[in-house]
Amino acid sequence: MARYGAIEAGGTKFVCAVGTGPRDLTAQVRFPTTNPQETLARCVEFFRTQPKIDALGVGCFGPLELRRESPLYGHVTATPKAGWSNADIVGPLCQALEVPVGFDTDVNAAVLGESRWGAALDLDTAIYITIGTGIGGGALVGGRLAHGLLHPEMGHVLIPREQDDLAFSGGCPFHGGRCWEGLASGPAIERRWGQPAEALPADHPAWDLEARYIASALTSLVLVLSPERVILGGGVMQVAGLFPLIRSYLTRSLAGYVQADSLLSGIDDYVVPPLLGTRAGIAGALALAASATHGHCTIP
């Protein structure tokens, strides 16, 4: 049986694992994200202590260059993460470990993991949104991960301001208070209320506002992509009572226009947390590795 390596490459921490699926992780390690050279060296060190893997999958924070014809394929591009802009991820790993590398965004990896083993099992079209330090989204469309000009950047869709929030300047360095991430990410919550999200009680008015912004963005995504399920993960989504508020506001904003049973009578099973929980990303990276098994360790 093939053995796969997986890396969940986050802006705060890296997780490396070996296995075949979320219930078969024979080894795992996590460590803080420092600079690219040190962090990737720790990844290589971990995999060299394990029995030989057949392929490696990497779900990485972005933005990323995913066009294989590009000379910068496998690189992080213009990220706000200090020291990581233009960092080559795939090249050093491929050369050091001499195995094929499957590479995609962390959120695309998460939706892929959920489609193989979790909340999107047996579905052709689904989206996974993570709401935390930033907001990102991955999309499975027709059974395939969505790519195009770049990759989905759902966290930067522009959404209307709520009338009771017009004074907030926003938290996105590109869009200020006009995009979803600038209005509803963890840092935006802290900037608006003067406290980190985890310090706010569940009955704080922040969460009603947060639910409205999440539902506003989801309305556009539901209408454009028509996903069969919406999966919401990330640190902000751990707040008790947030899911029912989001479902209620999404139902209100769609106003009965989308005539689907899952929206009209089954929305509790339509907008859901990840079934794999915190394992969605690493599971997706294993799935990326499996898809790369018959490839070659070559860099364009």
C-alpha atoms as a PDB file:
ATOM      1  CA  MET A   1       0.000   0.000   0.000  1.00  0.00           C
ATOM      2  CA  ALA A   2       1.262   3.458  -0.894  1.00  0.00           C
ATOM      3  CA  ARG A   3       2.445   5.715   1.930  1.00  0.00           C
ATOM      4  CA  TYR A   4       1.847   9.424   1.643  1.00  0.00           C
ATOM      5  CA  GLY A   5       3.347  12.453   3.260  1.00  0.00           C
ATOM      6  CA  ALA A   6       1.250  15.533   3.992  1.00  0.00           C
ATOM      7  CA  ILE A   7       1.998  19.112   4.957  1.00  0.00           C
ATOM      8  CA  GLU A   8      -0.596  21.580   6.173  1.00  0.00           C
ATOM      9  CA  ALA A   9       1.369  24.786   5.682  1.00  0.00           C
ATOM     10  CA  GLY A  10      -0.190  27.613   7.663  1.00  0.00           C
ATOM     11  CA  GLY A  11       0.930  31.131   8.344  1.00  0.00           C
ATOM     12  CA  THR A  12       1.168  30.347  12.073  1.00  0.00           C
ATOM     13  CA  LYS A  13       2.146  26.678  12.140  1.00  0.00           C
ATOM     14  CA  PHE A  14       3.110  23.776   9.890  1.00  0.00           C
ATOM     15  CA  VAL A  15       1.748  20.266  10.408  1.00  0.00           C
ATOM     16  CA  CYS A  16       3.526  17.311   8.813  1.00  0.00           C
ATOM     17  CA  ALA A  17       2.127  13.783   8.779  1.00  0.00           C
ATOM     18  CA  VAL A  18       2.497  10.358   7.190  1.00  0.00           C
ATOM     19  CA  GLY A  19      -0.433   8.062   6.454  1.00  0.00           C
ATOM     20  CA  THR A  20      -3.183   7.174   4.012  1.00  0.00           C
ATOM     21  CA  GLY A  21      -6.169   9.057   5.468  1.00  0.00           C
ATOM     22  CA  PRO A  22      -7.416  10.977   8.504  1.00  0.00           C
ATOM     23  CA  ARG A  23      -7.840   7.762  10.529  1.00  0.00           C
ATOM     24  CA  ASP A  24      -4.446   6.416   9.508  1.00  0.00           C
ATOM     25  CA  LEU A  25      -1.769   8.896  10.548  1.00  0.00           C
ATOM     26  CA  THR A  26       1.255   6.863  11.582  1.00  0.00           C
ATOM     27  CA  ALA A  27       3.374   9.891  12.465  1.00  0.00           C
ATOM     28  CA  GLN A  28       2.669  13.586  12.920  1.00  0.00           C
ATOM     29  CA  VAL A  29       4.496  16.706  14.061  1.00  0.00           C
ATOM     30  CA  ARG A  30       3.696  20.411  14.256  1.00  0.00           C
ATOM     31  CA  PHE A  31       5.939  23.432  14.699  1.00  0.00           C
ATOM     32  CA  PRO A  32       5.731  27.232  14.346  1.00  0.00           C
ATOM     33  CA  THR A  33       6.052  28.867  10.936  1.00  0.00           C
ATOM     34  CA  THR A  34       9.299  30.863  10.963  1.00  0.00           C
ATOM     35  CA  ASN A  35      11.183  31.702   7.760  1.00  0.00           C
ATOM     36  CA  PRO A  36      10.905  29.571   4.615  1.00  0.00           C
ATOM     37  CA  GLN A  37      14.388  28.033   4.814  1.00  0.00           C
ATOM     38  CA  GLU A  38      14.101  26.959   8.440  1.00  0.00           C
ATOM     39  CA  THR A  39      10.486  25.822   8.201  1.00  0.00           C
ATOM     40  CA  LEU A  40      10.953  23.730   5.049  1.00  0.00           C
ATOM     41  CA  ALA A  41      14.149  22.246   6.495  1.00  0.00           C
ATOM     42  CA  ARG A  42      12.161  21.018   9.496  1.00  0.00           C
ATOM     43  CA  CYS A  43       9.652  19.426   7.121  1.00  0.00           C
ATOM     44  CA  VAL A  44      12.416  17.617   5.252  1.00  0.00           C
ATOM     45  CA  GLU A  45      13.990  16.485   8.526  1.00  0.00           C
ATOM     46  CA  PHE A  46      10.698  14.992   9.681  1.00  0.00           C
ATOM     47  CA  PHE A  47      10.074  13.018   6.487  1.00  0.00           C
ATOM     48  CA  ARG A  48      13.648  11.731   6.438  1.00  0.00           C
ATOM     49  CA  THR A  49      13.075  10.140   9.851  1.00  0.00           C
ATOM     50  CA  GLN A  50      10.097   8.195   8.455  1.00  0.00           C
ATOM     51  CA  PRO A  51       9.954   5.198   6.123  1.00  0.00           C
ATOM     52  CA  LYS A  52      10.089   6.310   2.493  1.00  0.00           C
ATOM     53  CA  ILE A  53       6.911   7.957   1.218  1.00  0.00           C
ATOM     54  CA  ASP A  54       5.587   7.548  -2.330  1.00  0.00           C
ATOM     55  CA  ALA A  55       4.339  11.102  -2.761  1.00  0.00           C
ATOM     56  CA  LEU A  56       3.865  14.319  -0.800  1.00  0.00           C
ATOM     57  CA  GLY A  57       0.850  16.630  -0.664  1.00  0.00           C
ATOM     58  CA  VAL A  58       1.043  20.253   0.470  1.00  0.00           C
ATOM     59  CA  GLY A  59      -1.923  22.462   1.317  1.00  0.00           C
ATOM     60  CA  CYS A  60      -0.415  25.911   1.745  1.00  0.00           C
ATOM     61  CA  PHE A  61      -1.442  29.411   2.763  1.00  0.00           C
ATOM     62  CA  GLY A  62      -1.357  31.826  -0.142  1.00  0.00           C
ATOM     63  CA  PRO A  63      -1.653  33.415  -2.525  1.00  0.00           C
ATOM     64  CA  LEU A  64       0.044  30.714  -4.599  1.00  0.00           C
ATOM     65  CA  GLU A  65       1.213  30.183  -8.150  1.00  0.00           C
ATOM     66  CA  LEU A  66      -0.547  26.997  -9.262  1.00  0.00           C
ATOM     67  CA  ARG A  67      -0.089  27.183 -13.039  1.00  0.00           C
ATOM     68  CA  ARG A  68       2.358  24.418 -13.847  1.00  0.00           C
ATOM     69  CA  GLU A  69       3.539  26.217 -16.975  1.00  0.00           C
ATOM     70  CA  SER A  70       4.711  29.182 -14.899  1.00  0.00           C
ATOM     71  CA  PRO A  71       8.393  29.434 -13.902  1.00  0.00           C
ATOM     72  CA  LEU A  72       7.106  30.355 -10.432  1.00  0.00           C
ATOM     73  CA  TYR A  73       4.917  27.277 -10.053  1.00  0.00           C
ATOM     74  CA  GLY A  74       4.952  26.084  -6.460  1.00  0.00           C
ATOM     75  CA  HIS A  75       5.740  29.508  -4.997  1.00  0.00           C
ATOM     76  CA  VAL A  76       3.894  31.663  -2.516  1.00  0.00           C
ATOM     77  CA  THR A  77       3.322  35.006  -4.237  1.00  0.00           C
ATOM     78  CA  ALA A  78       2.457  38.397  -2.696  1.00  0.00           C
ATOM     79  CA  THR A  79       1.560  37.306   0.817  1.00  0.00           C
ATOM     80  CA  PRO A  80       1.410  39.663   3.819  1.00  0.00           C
ATOM     81  CA  LYS A  81       3.266  36.958   5.791  1.00  0.00           C
ATOM     82  CA  ALA A  82       6.673  38.548   6.414  1.00  0.00           C
ATOM     83  CA  GLY A  83       9.534  36.842   4.613  1.00  0.00           C
ATOM     84  CA  TRP A  84       7.356  34.490   2.563  1.00  0.00           C
ATOM     85  CA  SER A  85       6.620  36.520  -0.573  1.00  0.00           C
ATOM     86  CA  ASN A  86       7.999  34.659  -3.609  1.00  0.00           C
ATOM     87  CA  ALA A  87       9.093  31.720  -1.434  1.00  0.00           C
ATOM     88  CA  ASP A  88       9.525  28.456  -3.337  1.00  0.00           C
ATOM     89  CA  ILE A  89       7.658  25.656  -1.559  1.00  0.00           C
ATOM     90  CA  VAL A  90       7.522  22.781  -4.034  1.00  0.00           C
ATOM     91  CA  GLY A  91      11.099  23.038  -5.354  1.00  0.00           C
ATOM     92  CA  PRO A  92      13.030  22.458  -2.117  1.00  0.00           C
ATOM     93  CA  LEU A  93      10.676  19.688  -0.973  1.00  0.00           C
ATOM     94  CA  CYS A  94      10.725  17.897  -4.305  1.00  0.00           C
ATOM     95  CA  GLN A  95      14.502  18.067  -4.586  1.00  0.00           C
ATOM     96  CA  ALA A  96      15.196  17.017  -1.000  1.00  0.00           C
ATOM     97  CA  LEU A  97      12.693  14.144  -0.811  1.00  0.00           C
ATOM     98  CA  GLU A  98      12.749  13.052  -4.476  1.00  0.00           C
ATOM     99  CA  VAL A  99       9.034  12.308  -4.658  1.00  0.00           C
ATOM    100  CA  PRO A 100       6.138  13.806  -6.641  1.00  0.00           C
ATOM    101  CA  VAL A 101       4.483  16.734  -4.857  1.00  0.00           C
ATOM    102  CA  GLY A 102       0.788  17.632  -5.045  1.00  0.00           C
ATOM    103  CA  PHE A 103       0.324  21.328  -4.269  1.00  0.00           C
ATOM    104  CA  ASP A 104      -2.714  23.514  -3.678  1.00  0.00           C
ATOM    105  CA  THR A 105      -4.149  26.092  -1.313  1.00  0.00           C
ATOM    106  CA  ASP A 106      -4.864  25.101   2.269  1.00  0.00           C
ATOM    107  CA  VAL A 107      -8.589  25.675   1.773  1.00  0.00           C
ATOM    108  CA  ASN A 108      -8.726  23.712  -1.478  1.00  0.00           C
ATOM    109  CA  ALA A 109      -6.966  20.916   0.385  1.00  0.00           C
ATOM    110  CA  ALA A 110      -9.552  21.159   3.172  1.00  0.00           C
ATOM    111  CA  VAL A 111     -12.526  20.895   0.820  1.00  0.00           C
ATOM    112  CA  LEU A 112     -10.815  17.972  -0.913  1.00  0.00           C
ATOM    113  CA  GLY A 113     -10.344  16.225   2.427  1.00  0.00           C
ATOM    114  CA  GLU A 114     -13.971  16.811   3.364  1.00  0.00           C
ATOM    115  CA  SER A 115     -15.067  15.459  -0.020  1.00  0.00           C
ATOM    116  CA  ARG A 116     -13.093  12.222   0.492  1.00  0.00           C
ATOM    117  CA  TRP A 117     -13.826  11.547   4.138  1.00  0.00           C
ATOM    118  CA  GLY A 118     -16.029  14.253   5.648  1.00  0.00           C
ATOM    119  CA  ALA A 119     -18.963  16.615   5.297  1.00  0.00           C
ATOM    120  CA  ALA A 120     -18.832  16.759   1.478  1.00  0.00           C
ATOM    121  CA  LEU A 121     -18.579  12.998   0.945  1.00  0.00           C
ATOM    122  CA  ASP A 122     -20.150  11.916  -2.358  1.00  0.00           C
ATOM    123  CA  LEU A 123     -20.941  15.514  -3.365  1.00  0.00           C
ATOM    124  CA  ASP A 124     -19.818  17.004  -6.683  1.00  0.00           C
ATOM    125  CA  THR A 125     -19.894  20.657  -5.637  1.00  0.00           C
ATOM    126  CA  ALA A 126     -19.083  22.114  -2.222  1.00  0.00           C
ATOM    127  CA  ILE A 127     -17.231  25.008  -0.661  1.00  0.00           C
ATOM    128  CA  TYR A 128     -15.053  25.159   2.430  1.00  0.00           C
ATOM    129  CA  ILE A 129     -14.549  28.530   4.120  1.00  0.00           C
ATOM    130  CA  THR A 130     -12.081  29.147   6.918  1.00  0.00           C
ATOM    131  CA  ILE A 131     -12.658  32.217   9.076  1.00  0.00           C
ATOM    132  CA  GLY A 132      -9.824  33.074  11.397  1.00  0.00           C
ATOM    133  CA  THR A 133      -6.654  35.133  10.993  1.00  0.00           C
ATOM    134  CA  GLY A 134      -7.875  35.624   7.436  1.00  0.00           C
ATOM    135  CA  ILE A 135     -10.800  34.370   5.384  1.00  0.00           C
ATOM    136  CA  GLY A 136     -10.195  31.889   2.603  1.00  0.00           C
ATOM    137  CA  GLY A 137     -12.315  29.567   0.538  1.00  0.00           C
ATOM    138  CA  GLY A 138     -11.823  26.390  -1.427  1.00  0.00           C
ATOM    139  CA  ALA A 139     -14.259  25.081  -4.008  1.00  0.00           C
ATOM    140  CA  LEU A 140     -15.010  21.656  -5.397  1.00  0.00           C
ATOM    141  CA  VAL A 141     -16.933  22.114  -8.659  1.00  0.00           C
ATOM    142  CA  GLY A 142     -18.086  19.123 -10.677  1.00  0.00           C
ATOM    143  CA  GLY A 143     -15.861  16.893  -8.571  1.00  0.00           C
ATOM    144  CA  ARG A 144     -12.728  18.926  -9.309  1.00  0.00           C
ATOM    145  CA  LEU A 145     -10.895  21.591  -7.348  1.00  0.00           C
ATOM    146  CA  ALA A 146     -11.536  25.051  -8.792  1.00  0.00           C
ATOM    147  CA  HIS A 147      -8.613  26.789 -10.499  1.00  0.00           C
ATOM    148  CA  GLY A 148      -8.471  29.420 -13.174  1.00  0.00           C
ATOM    149  CA  LEU A 149      -6.674  32.717 -13.550  1.00  0.00           C
ATOM    150  CA  LEU A 150      -5.318  32.089 -10.048  1.00  0.00           C
ATOM    151  CA  HIS A 151      -7.266  30.197  -7.384  1.00  0.00           C
ATOM    152  CA  PRO A 152     -10.425  31.129  -5.500  1.00  0.00           C
ATOM    153  CA  GLU A 153      -9.967  34.206  -3.284  1.00  0.00           C
ATOM    154  CA  MET A 154     -13.363  34.150  -1.637  1.00  0.00           C
ATOM    155  CA  GLY A 155     -12.210  36.107   1.395  1.00  0.00           C
ATOM    156  CA  HIS A 156     -11.798  39.208  -0.744  1.00  0.00           C
ATOM    157  CA  VAL A 157     -15.222  39.336  -2.345  1.00  0.00           C
ATOM    158  CA  LEU A 158     -16.742  42.759  -1.793  1.00  0.00           C
ATOM    159  CA  ILE A 159     -19.814  42.800   0.419  1.00  0.00           C
ATOM    160  CA  PRO A 160     -22.178  45.613   1.468  1.00  0.00           C
ATOM    161  CA  ARG A 161     -21.608  47.347   4.779  1.00  0.00           C
ATOM    162  CA  GLU A 162     -24.114  46.795   7.542  1.00  0.00           C
ATOM    163  CA  GLN A 163     -25.776  50.074   8.498  1.00  0.00           C
ATOM    164  CA  ASP A 164     -24.738  49.783  12.149  1.00  0.00           C
ATOM    165  CA  ASP A 165     -21.080  49.312  11.179  1.00  0.00           C
ATOM    166  CA  LEU A 166     -20.400  52.262   8.879  1.00  0.00           C
ATOM    167  CA  ALA A 167     -17.783  53.837  11.158  1.00  0.00           C
ATOM    168  CA  PHE A 168     -15.415  50.856  11.045  1.00  0.00           C
ATOM    169  CA  SER A 169     -12.475  51.439   8.701  1.00  0.00           C
ATOM    170  CA  GLY A 170     -11.873  47.751   8.000  1.00  0.00           C
ATOM    171  CA  GLY A 171      -8.869  45.500   8.301  1.00  0.00           C
ATOM    172  CA  CYS A 172      -7.772  44.532   4.780  1.00  0.00           C
ATOM    173  CA  PRO A 173      -4.607  46.239   3.479  1.00  0.00           C
ATOM    174  CA  PHE A 174      -5.990  46.030  -0.055  1.00  0.00           C
ATOM    175  CA  HIS A 175      -9.713  46.700   0.348  1.00  0.00           C
ATOM    176  CA  GLY A 176     -10.036  48.285   3.777  1.00  0.00           C
ATOM    177  CA  GLY A 177     -13.616  47.790   4.910  1.00  0.00           C
ATOM    178  CA  ARG A 178     -15.061  46.703   1.578  1.00  0.00           C
ATOM    179  CA  CYS A 179     -14.190  42.997   1.482  1.00  0.00           C
ATOM    180  CA  TRP A 180     -15.279  40.022   3.582  1.00  0.00           C
ATOM    181  CA  GLU A 181     -11.862  39.539   5.186  1.00  0.00           C
ATOM    182  CA  GLY A 182     -11.573  43.235   6.005  1.00  0.00           C
ATOM    183  CA  LEU A 183     -14.911  43.138   7.800  1.00  0.00           C
ATOM    184  CA  ALA A 184     -15.212  39.706   9.384  1.00  0.00           C
ATOM    185  CA  SER A 185     -11.799  38.072   9.948  1.00  0.00           C
ATOM    186  CA  GLY A 186     -10.406  37.574  13.436  1.00  0.00           C
ATOM    187  CA  PRO A 187      -8.149  40.650  13.189  1.00  0.00           C
ATOM    188  CA  ALA A 188     -11.094  42.748  11.940  1.00  0.00           C
ATOM    189  CA  ILE A 189     -13.150  41.660  14.955  1.00  0.00           C
ATOM    190  CA  GLU A 190     -10.322  42.602  17.317  1.00  0.00           C
ATOM    191  CA  ARG A 191      -9.743  45.943  15.607  1.00  0.00           C
ATOM    192  CA  ARG A 192     -13.439  46.838  15.738  1.00  0.00           C
ATOM    193  CA  TRP A 193     -14.130  45.801  19.336  1.00  0.00           C
ATOM    194  CA  GLY A 194     -10.729  46.281  20.952  1.00  0.00           C
ATOM    195  CA  GLN A 195     -10.544  42.651  22.072  1.00  0.00           C
ATOM    196  CA  PRO A 196      -9.579  39.409  20.324  1.00  0.00           C
ATOM    197  CA  ALA A 197     -12.496  37.307  19.167  1.00  0.00           C
ATOM    198  CA  GLU A 198     -11.809  34.581  21.718  1.00  0.00           C
ATOM    199  CA  ALA A 199     -12.200  37.108  24.552  1.00  0.00           C
ATOM    200  CA  LEU A 200     -15.705  38.186  23.502  1.00  0.00           C
ATOM    201  CA  PRO A 201     -18.607  36.410  25.236  1.00  0.00           C
ATOM    202  CA  ALA A 202     -21.094  34.466  23.126  1.00  0.00           C
ATOM    203  CA  ASP A 203     -23.819  37.080  23.756  1.00  0.00           C
ATOM    204  CA  HIS A 204     -21.656  40.012  22.599  1.00  0.00           C
ATOM    205  CA  PRO A 205     -23.173  42.096  19.753  1.00  0.00           C
ATOM    206  CA  ALA A 206     -20.058  41.294  17.712  1.00  0.00           C
ATOM    207  CA  TRP A 207     -21.471  37.895  16.837  1.00  0.00           C
ATOM    208  CA  ASP A 208     -24.766  39.071  15.396  1.00  0.00           C
ATOM    209  CA  LEU A 209     -22.819  41.470  13.166  1.00  0.00           C
ATOM    210  CA  GLU A 210     -20.352  38.731  12.272  1.00  0.00           C
ATOM    211  CA  ALA A 211     -23.185  36.385  11.298  1.00  0.00           C
ATOM    212  CA  ARG A 212     -24.715  39.009   9.036  1.00  0.00           C
ATOM    213  CA  TYR A 213     -21.433  39.581   7.196  1.00  0.00           C
ATOM    214  CA  ILE A 214     -20.813  35.843   6.805  1.00  0.00           C
ATOM    215  CA  ALA A 215     -24.344  35.303   5.504  1.00  0.00           C
ATOM    216  CA  SER A 216     -23.970  38.222   3.101  1.00  0.00           C
ATOM    217  CA  ALA A 217     -20.858  36.733   1.510  1.00  0.00           C
ATOM    218  CA  LEU A 218     -22.333  33.226   1.481  1.00  0.00           C
ATOM    219  CA  THR A 219     -25.375  34.537  -0.363  1.00  0.00           C
ATOM    220  CA  SER A 220     -23.179  35.496  -3.320  1.00  0.00           C
ATOM    221  CA  LEU A 221     -21.256  32.218  -3.200  1.00  0.00           C
ATOM    222  CA  VAL A 222     -24.447  30.146  -3.083  1.00  0.00           C
ATOM    223  CA  LEU A 223     -25.879  32.025  -6.050  1.00  0.00           C
ATOM    224  CA  VAL A 224     -22.683  31.877  -8.125  1.00  0.00           C
ATOM    225  CA  LEU A 225     -21.336  28.382  -7.370  1.00  0.00           C
ATOM    226  CA  SER A 226     -24.541  26.617  -6.277  1.00  0.00           C
ATOM    227  CA  PRO A 227     -22.714  24.373  -3.804  1.00  0.00           C
ATOM    228  CA  GLU A 228     -24.446  21.280  -2.474  1.00  0.00           C
ATOM    229  CA  ARG A 229     -22.980  22.013   0.954  1.00  0.00           C
ATOM    230  CA  VAL A 230     -21.241  24.924   2.682  1.00  0.00           C
ATOM    231  CA  ILE A 231     -18.597  24.007   5.250  1.00  0.00           C
ATOM    232  CA  LEU A 232     -17.386  26.669   7.682  1.00  0.00           C
ATOM    233  CA  GLY A 233     -14.195  26.165   9.685  1.00  0.00           C
ATOM    234  CA  GLY A 234     -11.541  28.239  11.397  1.00  0.00           C
ATOM    235  CA  GLY A 235     -11.128  29.732  14.840  1.00  0.00           C
ATOM    236  CA  VAL A 236     -13.944  32.281  14.615  1.00  0.00           C
ATOM    237  CA  MET A 237     -16.445  29.528  13.838  1.00  0.00           C
ATOM    238  CA  GLN A 238     -15.825  27.904  17.219  1.00  0.00           C
ATOM    239  CA  VAL A 239     -18.071  30.509  18.899  1.00  0.00           C
ATOM    240  CA  ALA A 240     -21.206  28.920  20.346  1.00  0.00           C
ATOM    241  CA  GLY A 241     -24.401  29.988  18.633  1.00  0.00           C
ATOM    242  CA  LEU A 242     -22.798  31.412  15.491  1.00  0.00           C
ATOM    243  CA  PHE A 243     -23.993  28.683  13.106  1.00  0.00           C
ATOM    244  CA  PRO A 244     -27.730  29.173  13.857  1.00  0.00           C
ATOM    245  CA  LEU A 245     -27.393  32.933  13.339  1.00  0.00           C
ATOM    246  CA  ILE A 246     -25.632  32.467   9.996  1.00  0.00           C
ATOM    247  CA  ARG A 247     -28.238  29.976   8.786  1.00  0.00           C
ATOM    248  CA  SER A 248     -31.049  32.330   9.770  1.00  0.00           C
ATOM    249  CA  TYR A 249     -29.522  35.346   8.021  1.00  0.00           C
ATOM    250  CA  LEU A 250     -28.640  33.315   4.924  1.00  0.00           C
ATOM    251  CA  THR A 251     -32.221  32.078   4.681  1.00  0.00           C
ATOM    252  CA  ARG A 252     -33.452  35.656   4.993  1.00  0.00           C
ATOM    253  CA  SER A 253     -31.084  37.058   2.368  1.00  0.00           C
ATOM    254  CA  LEU A 254     -31.867  34.342  -0.197  1.00  0.00           C
ATOM    255  CA  ALA A 255     -35.554  35.137   0.353  1.00  0.00           C
ATOM    256  CA  GLY A 256     -36.776  31.828  -1.044  1.00  0.00           C
ATOM    257  CA  TYR A 257     -35.268  32.468  -4.476  1.00  0.00           C
ATOM    258  CA  VAL A 258     -33.208  29.258  -4.565  1.00  0.00           C
ATOM    259  CA  GLN A 259     -35.834  26.524  -4.561  1.00  0.00           C
ATOM    260  CA  ALA A 260     -33.794  23.681  -3.106  1.00  0.00           C
ATOM    261  CA  ASP A 261     -34.940  21.481  -0.240  1.00  0.00           C
ATOM    262  CA  SER A 262     -31.563  21.787   1.482  1.00  0.00           C
ATOM    263  CA  LEU A 263     -32.088  25.544   1.732  1.00  0.00           C
ATOM    264  CA  LEU A 264     -35.818  25.653   2.306  1.00  0.00           C
ATOM    265  CA  SER A 265     -36.153  22.950   4.939  1.00  0.00           C
ATOM    266  CA  GLY A 266     -32.736  21.438   5.613  1.00  0.00           C
ATOM    267  CA  ILE A 267     -30.391  24.365   6.125  1.00  0.00           C
ATOM    268  CA  ASP A 268     -29.045  22.871   9.368  1.00  0.00           C
ATOM    269  CA  ASP A 269     -27.477  20.175   7.181  1.00  0.00           C
ATOM    270  CA  TYR A 270     -26.482  22.640   4.452  1.00  0.00           C
ATOM    271  CA  VAL A 271     -24.275  25.104   6.383  1.00  0.00           C
ATOM    272  CA  VAL A 272     -22.154  22.878   8.594  1.00  0.00           C
ATOM    273  CA  PRO A 273     -18.836  22.620  10.431  1.00  0.00           C
ATOM    274  CA  PRO A 274     -16.137  20.347   8.980  1.00  0.00           C
ATOM    275  CA  LEU A 275     -16.832  16.734   9.854  1.00  0.00           C
ATOM    276  CA  LEU A 276     -13.091  16.141  10.032  1.00  0.00           C
ATOM    277  CA  GLY A 277     -12.636  19.071  12.400  1.00  0.00           C
ATOM    278  CA  THR A 278      -9.016  20.181  12.598  1.00  0.00           C
ATOM    279  CA  ARG A 279      -7.945  17.202  10.458  1.00  0.00           C
ATOM    280  CA  ALA A 280      -9.531  18.541   7.264  1.00  0.00           C
ATOM    281  CA  GLY A 281      -6.372  20.263   6.059  1.00  0.00           C
ATOM    282  CA  ILE A 282      -3.967  17.411   6.694  1.00  0.00           C
ATOM    283  CA  ALA A 283      -6.465  14.920   5.234  1.00  0.00           C
ATOM    284  CA  GLY A 284      -6.722  17.047   2.108  1.00  0.00           C
ATOM    285  CA  ALA A 285      -2.936  17.153   1.828  1.00  0.00           C
ATOM    286  CA  LEU A 286      -2.906  13.338   1.906  1.00  0.00           C
ATOM    287  CA  ALA A 287      -5.467  13.359  -0.906  1.00  0.00           C
ATOM    288  CA  LEU A 288      -3.253  15.754  -2.882  1.00  0.00           C
ATOM    289  CA  ALA A 289      -0.365  13.337  -2.392  1.00  0.00           C
ATOM    290  CA  ALA A 290      -2.454  10.422  -3.653  1.00  0.00           C
ATOM    291  CA  SER A 291      -3.337  12.378  -6.794  1.00  0.00           C
ATOM    292  CA  ALA A 292       0.367  13.101  -7.400  1.00  0.00           C
ATOM    293  CA  THR A 293       1.559   9.491  -6.991  1.00  0.00           C
ATOM    294  CA  HIS A 294       2.028   8.871 -10.708  1.00  0.00           C
ATOM    295  CA  GLY A 295       3.689  12.198 -11.354  1.00  0.00           C
ATOM    296  CA  HIS A 296       7.368  13.022 -11.397  1.00  0.00           C
ATOM    297  CA  CYS A 297       9.537  15.185  -9.199  1.00  0.00           C
ATOM    298  CA  THR A 298      10.121  17.882 -11.774  1.00  0.00           C
ATOM    299  CA  ILE A 299       9.971  21.644 -11.518  1.00  0.00           C
ATOM    300  CA  PRO A 300       8.913  23.581 -14.666  1.00  0.00           C
END
